[in-house]
Amino acid sequence: MSYVAVDDVAAVCARAAEAGGRVRVPPRPIPDAGGTSAVLQDSGGAHFAVVHRSAEAGEPADDRTVGGPWWHEHLAADPAR
């Protein structure tokens, strides 16, 4: 799954829903990392996450470019394949 840096997770969720996407995991705090994240699904079925880091995270809140990639994960049922 790809994570994209945003300024306002709740606002992005609202815009995604208005554009035909779905909010799969609503905005929630990121435990021990400081900030907020949510998981969205676009109208084509692809899932991705949005994240906003807070200044309390121990790193600058703007350590990632808004709109740019923040983190990537590969999730597979059978990682050997």
N, C-alpha and C. Protein backbone atom coordinates (compact mmCIF):
# COMPACT_ATOMS: atom_id res chain seq x y z
N MET A 1 0.85 -1.17 0.00
CA MET A 1 0.00 0.00 0.00
C MET A 1 0.89 1.23 0.00
N SER A 2 0.47 2.24 -0.72
CA SER A 2 1.20 3.51 -0.74
C SER A 2 0.54 4.49 0.21
N TYR A 3 1.36 5.26 0.88
CA TYR A 3 0.90 6.31 1.78
C TYR A 3 1.31 7.64 1.17
N VAL A 4 0.37 8.59 1.13
CA VAL A 4 0.61 9.90 0.53
C VAL A 4 0.50 10.95 1.63
N ALA A 5 1.47 11.86 1.69
CA ALA A 5 1.45 12.95 2.67
C ALA A 5 0.40 13.98 2.27
N VAL A 6 -0.42 14.42 3.24
CA VAL A 6 -1.43 15.44 3.00
C VAL A 6 -1.44 16.43 4.16
N ASP A 7 -2.04 17.60 3.94
CA ASP A 7 -2.17 18.60 5.01
C ASP A 7 -3.31 18.30 5.96
N ASP A 8 -4.41 17.72 5.44
CA ASP A 8 -5.63 17.54 6.24
C ASP A 8 -6.29 16.23 5.84
N VAL A 9 -6.12 15.20 6.65
CA VAL A 9 -6.63 13.86 6.34
C VAL A 9 -8.16 13.87 6.21
N ALA A 10 -8.86 14.51 7.13
CA ALA A 10 -10.32 14.53 7.08
C ALA A 10 -10.83 15.21 5.81
N ALA A 11 -10.21 16.30 5.41
CA ALA A 11 -10.62 17.01 4.20
C ALA A 11 -10.39 16.16 2.95
N VAL A 12 -9.28 15.44 2.90
CA VAL A 12 -9.00 14.56 1.77
C VAL A 12 -10.02 13.43 1.71
N CYS A 13 -10.39 12.88 2.85
CA CYS A 13 -11.42 11.83 2.89
C CYS A 13 -12.74 12.35 2.34
N ALA A 14 -13.12 13.55 2.73
CA ALA A 14 -14.37 14.14 2.25
C ALA A 14 -14.33 14.35 0.74
N ARG A 15 -13.22 14.87 0.24
CA ARG A 15 -13.09 15.09 -1.21
C ARG A 15 -13.10 13.78 -1.97
N ALA A 16 -12.46 12.76 -1.43
CA ALA A 16 -12.43 11.45 -2.10
C ALA A 16 -13.84 10.88 -2.21
N ALA A 17 -14.62 10.97 -1.13
CA ALA A 17 -15.99 10.45 -1.15
C ALA A 17 -16.84 11.23 -2.16
N GLU A 18 -16.67 12.53 -2.23
CA GLU A 18 -17.41 13.35 -3.19
C GLU A 18 -17.07 12.98 -4.63
N ALA A 19 -15.84 12.51 -4.85
CA ALA A 19 -15.38 12.18 -6.20
C ALA A 19 -15.67 10.72 -6.58
N GLY A 20 -16.36 9.98 -5.71
CA GLY A 20 -16.71 8.60 -6.03
C GLY A 20 -15.85 7.55 -5.38
N GLY A 21 -14.89 7.96 -4.57
CA GLY A 21 -14.07 7.00 -3.84
C GLY A 21 -14.75 6.58 -2.54
N ARG A 22 -14.10 5.71 -1.81
CA ARG A 22 -14.65 5.23 -0.53
C ARG A 22 -13.61 5.39 0.57
N VAL A 23 -14.07 5.74 1.75
CA VAL A 23 -13.21 5.79 2.93
C VAL A 23 -13.30 4.42 3.58
N ARG A 24 -12.24 3.63 3.48
CA ARG A 24 -12.23 2.27 4.03
C ARG A 24 -11.87 2.25 5.50
N VAL A 25 -10.94 3.09 5.92
CA VAL A 25 -10.59 3.26 7.34
C VAL A 25 -10.63 4.76 7.60
N PRO A 26 -11.56 5.22 8.42
CA PRO A 26 -11.69 6.67 8.64
C PRO A 26 -10.46 7.24 9.35
N PRO A 27 -10.33 8.56 9.32
CA PRO A 27 -9.18 9.19 9.98
C PRO A 27 -9.03 8.70 11.42
N ARG A 28 -7.79 8.41 11.78
CA ARG A 28 -7.49 7.90 13.12
C ARG A 28 -6.08 8.32 13.51
N PRO A 29 -5.82 8.41 14.81
CA PRO A 29 -4.47 8.76 15.26
C PRO A 29 -3.48 7.65 14.91
N ILE A 30 -2.24 8.05 14.71
CA ILE A 30 -1.16 7.08 14.49
C ILE A 30 -0.47 6.87 15.84
N PRO A 31 -0.68 5.71 16.47
CA PRO A 31 -0.09 5.49 17.80
C PRO A 31 1.43 5.61 17.79
N ASP A 32 1.95 6.31 18.76
CA ASP A 32 3.39 6.45 18.99
C ASP A 32 4.15 7.11 17.85
N ALA A 33 3.47 7.61 16.81
CA ALA A 33 4.17 8.25 15.71
C ALA A 33 3.74 9.70 15.55
N GLY A 34 2.60 10.07 16.12
CA GLY A 34 2.12 11.44 16.02
C GLY A 34 1.56 11.75 14.66
N GLY A 35 0.30 12.01 14.59
CA GLY A 35 -0.33 12.36 13.33
C GLY A 35 -1.63 11.61 13.13
N THR A 36 -2.13 11.65 11.91
CA THR A 36 -3.41 11.05 11.55
C THR A 36 -3.27 10.33 10.22
N SER A 37 -3.99 9.22 10.06
CA SER A 37 -3.98 8.50 8.78
C SER A 37 -5.39 8.00 8.48
N ALA A 38 -5.61 7.63 7.22
CA ALA A 38 -6.86 7.03 6.78
C ALA A 38 -6.55 6.18 5.55
N VAL A 39 -7.40 5.20 5.27
CA VAL A 39 -7.24 4.36 4.08
C VAL A 39 -8.43 4.62 3.16
N LEU A 40 -8.12 4.89 1.90
CA LEU A 40 -9.12 5.20 0.90
C LEU A 40 -9.10 4.17 -0.22
N GLN A 41 -10.19 4.11 -0.98
CA GLN A 41 -10.27 3.27 -2.17
C GLN A 41 -10.76 4.16 -3.30
N ASP A 42 -10.02 4.18 -4.41
CA ASP A 42 -10.45 5.03 -5.51
C ASP A 42 -11.56 4.34 -6.31
N SER A 43 -12.13 5.05 -7.27
CA SER A 43 -13.27 4.53 -8.01
C SER A 43 -12.91 3.30 -8.85
N GLY A 44 -11.63 3.06 -9.06
CA GLY A 44 -11.18 1.88 -9.79
C GLY A 44 -10.89 0.69 -8.89
N GLY A 45 -10.99 0.88 -7.57
CA GLY A 45 -10.79 -0.21 -6.63
C GLY A 45 -9.43 -0.23 -5.95
N ALA A 46 -8.53 0.65 -6.33
CA ALA A 46 -7.19 0.67 -5.73
C ALA A 46 -7.24 1.30 -4.34
N HIS A 47 -6.51 0.70 -3.40
CA HIS A 47 -6.43 1.21 -2.04
C HIS A 47 -5.14 2.00 -1.86
N PHE A 48 -5.21 3.04 -1.06
CA PHE A 48 -4.04 3.82 -0.70
C PHE A 48 -4.35 4.52 0.62
N ALA A 49 -3.33 5.00 1.28
CA ALA A 49 -3.52 5.69 2.56
C ALA A 49 -3.04 7.12 2.44
N VAL A 50 -3.63 7.97 3.28
CA VAL A 50 -3.17 9.35 3.40
C VAL A 50 -2.73 9.55 4.84
N VAL A 51 -1.72 10.40 5.03
CA VAL A 51 -1.16 10.59 6.36
C VAL A 51 -0.73 12.04 6.55
N HIS A 52 -0.92 12.52 7.76
CA HIS A 52 -0.41 13.83 8.16
C HIS A 52 0.34 13.65 9.46
N ARG A 53 1.60 14.02 9.46
CA ARG A 53 2.41 13.92 10.68
C ARG A 53 2.30 15.21 11.47
N SER A 54 2.20 15.09 12.77
CA SER A 54 2.14 16.28 13.63
C SER A 54 3.54 16.66 14.08
N ALA A 55 3.69 17.89 14.52
CA ALA A 55 4.99 18.38 14.99
C ALA A 55 5.46 17.63 16.22
N GLU A 56 4.54 17.01 16.96
CA GLU A 56 4.90 16.27 18.17
C GLU A 56 5.54 14.92 17.86
N ALA A 57 5.66 14.57 16.60
CA ALA A 57 6.17 13.25 16.22
C ALA A 57 7.68 13.10 16.43
N GLY A 58 8.36 14.19 16.79
CA GLY A 58 9.80 14.10 16.98
C GLY A 58 10.57 14.41 15.71
N GLU A 59 9.88 14.60 14.61
CA GLU A 59 10.47 15.02 13.35
C GLU A 59 9.69 16.24 12.90
N PRO A 60 10.24 17.03 12.02
CA PRO A 60 9.44 18.15 11.50
C PRO A 60 8.16 17.65 10.86
N ALA A 61 7.06 18.36 11.08
CA ALA A 61 5.77 17.96 10.51
C ALA A 61 5.82 17.97 8.99
N ASP A 62 6.70 18.77 8.41
CA ASP A 62 6.78 18.86 6.95
C ASP A 62 7.95 18.05 6.40
N ASP A 63 8.26 16.92 7.05
CA ASP A 63 9.39 16.11 6.60
C ASP A 63 9.10 15.37 5.30
N ARG A 64 7.87 15.41 4.83
CA ARG A 64 7.49 14.83 3.55
C ARG A 64 6.77 15.89 2.73
N THR A 65 6.93 15.87 1.44
CA THR A 65 6.26 16.82 0.57
C THR A 65 4.79 16.46 0.47
N VAL A 66 3.91 17.41 0.73
CA VAL A 66 2.48 17.18 0.62
C VAL A 66 2.16 16.77 -0.82
N GLY A 67 1.40 15.69 -0.94
CA GLY A 67 1.07 15.15 -2.26
C GLY A 67 2.08 14.13 -2.75
N GLY A 68 3.19 14.02 -2.06
CA GLY A 68 4.23 13.07 -2.45
C GLY A 68 4.16 11.79 -1.65
N PRO A 69 4.92 10.80 -2.06
CA PRO A 69 4.92 9.53 -1.34
C PRO A 69 5.50 9.70 0.05
N TRP A 70 4.92 8.98 0.99
CA TRP A 70 5.38 9.03 2.38
C TRP A 70 5.91 7.67 2.81
N TRP A 71 5.31 6.61 2.33
CA TRP A 71 5.70 5.25 2.73
C TRP A 71 5.10 4.28 1.73
N HIS A 72 5.76 3.17 1.48
CA HIS A 72 5.21 2.12 0.61
C HIS A 72 5.35 0.78 1.31
N GLU A 73 4.30 -0.05 1.22
CA GLU A 73 4.33 -1.40 1.78
C GLU A 73 3.81 -2.36 0.72
N HIS A 74 4.36 -3.55 0.69
CA HIS A 74 3.83 -4.59 -0.18
C HIS A 74 3.17 -5.63 0.71
N LEU A 75 1.88 -5.83 0.52
CA LEU A 75 1.12 -6.79 1.31
C LEU A 75 0.73 -7.96 0.42
N ALA A 76 1.05 -9.16 0.82
CA ALA A 76 0.74 -10.34 0.00
C ALA A 76 0.34 -11.51 0.89
N ALA A 77 -0.62 -12.28 0.41
CA ALA A 77 -1.04 -13.47 1.14
C ALA A 77 0.05 -14.53 1.14
N ASP A 78 0.79 -14.61 0.05
CA ASP A 78 1.87 -15.60 -0.09
C ASP A 78 3.12 -14.87 -0.58
N PRO A 79 3.92 -14.35 0.34
CA PRO A 79 5.09 -13.55 -0.06
C PRO A 79 6.14 -14.35 -0.85
N ALA A 80 6.09 -15.66 -0.82
CA ALA A 80 7.06 -16.46 -1.57
C ALA A 80 6.77 -16.42 -3.07
N ARG A 81 5.55 -16.07 -3.43
CA ARG A 81 5.19 -16.04 -4.86
C ARG A 81 5.58 -14.80 -5.52
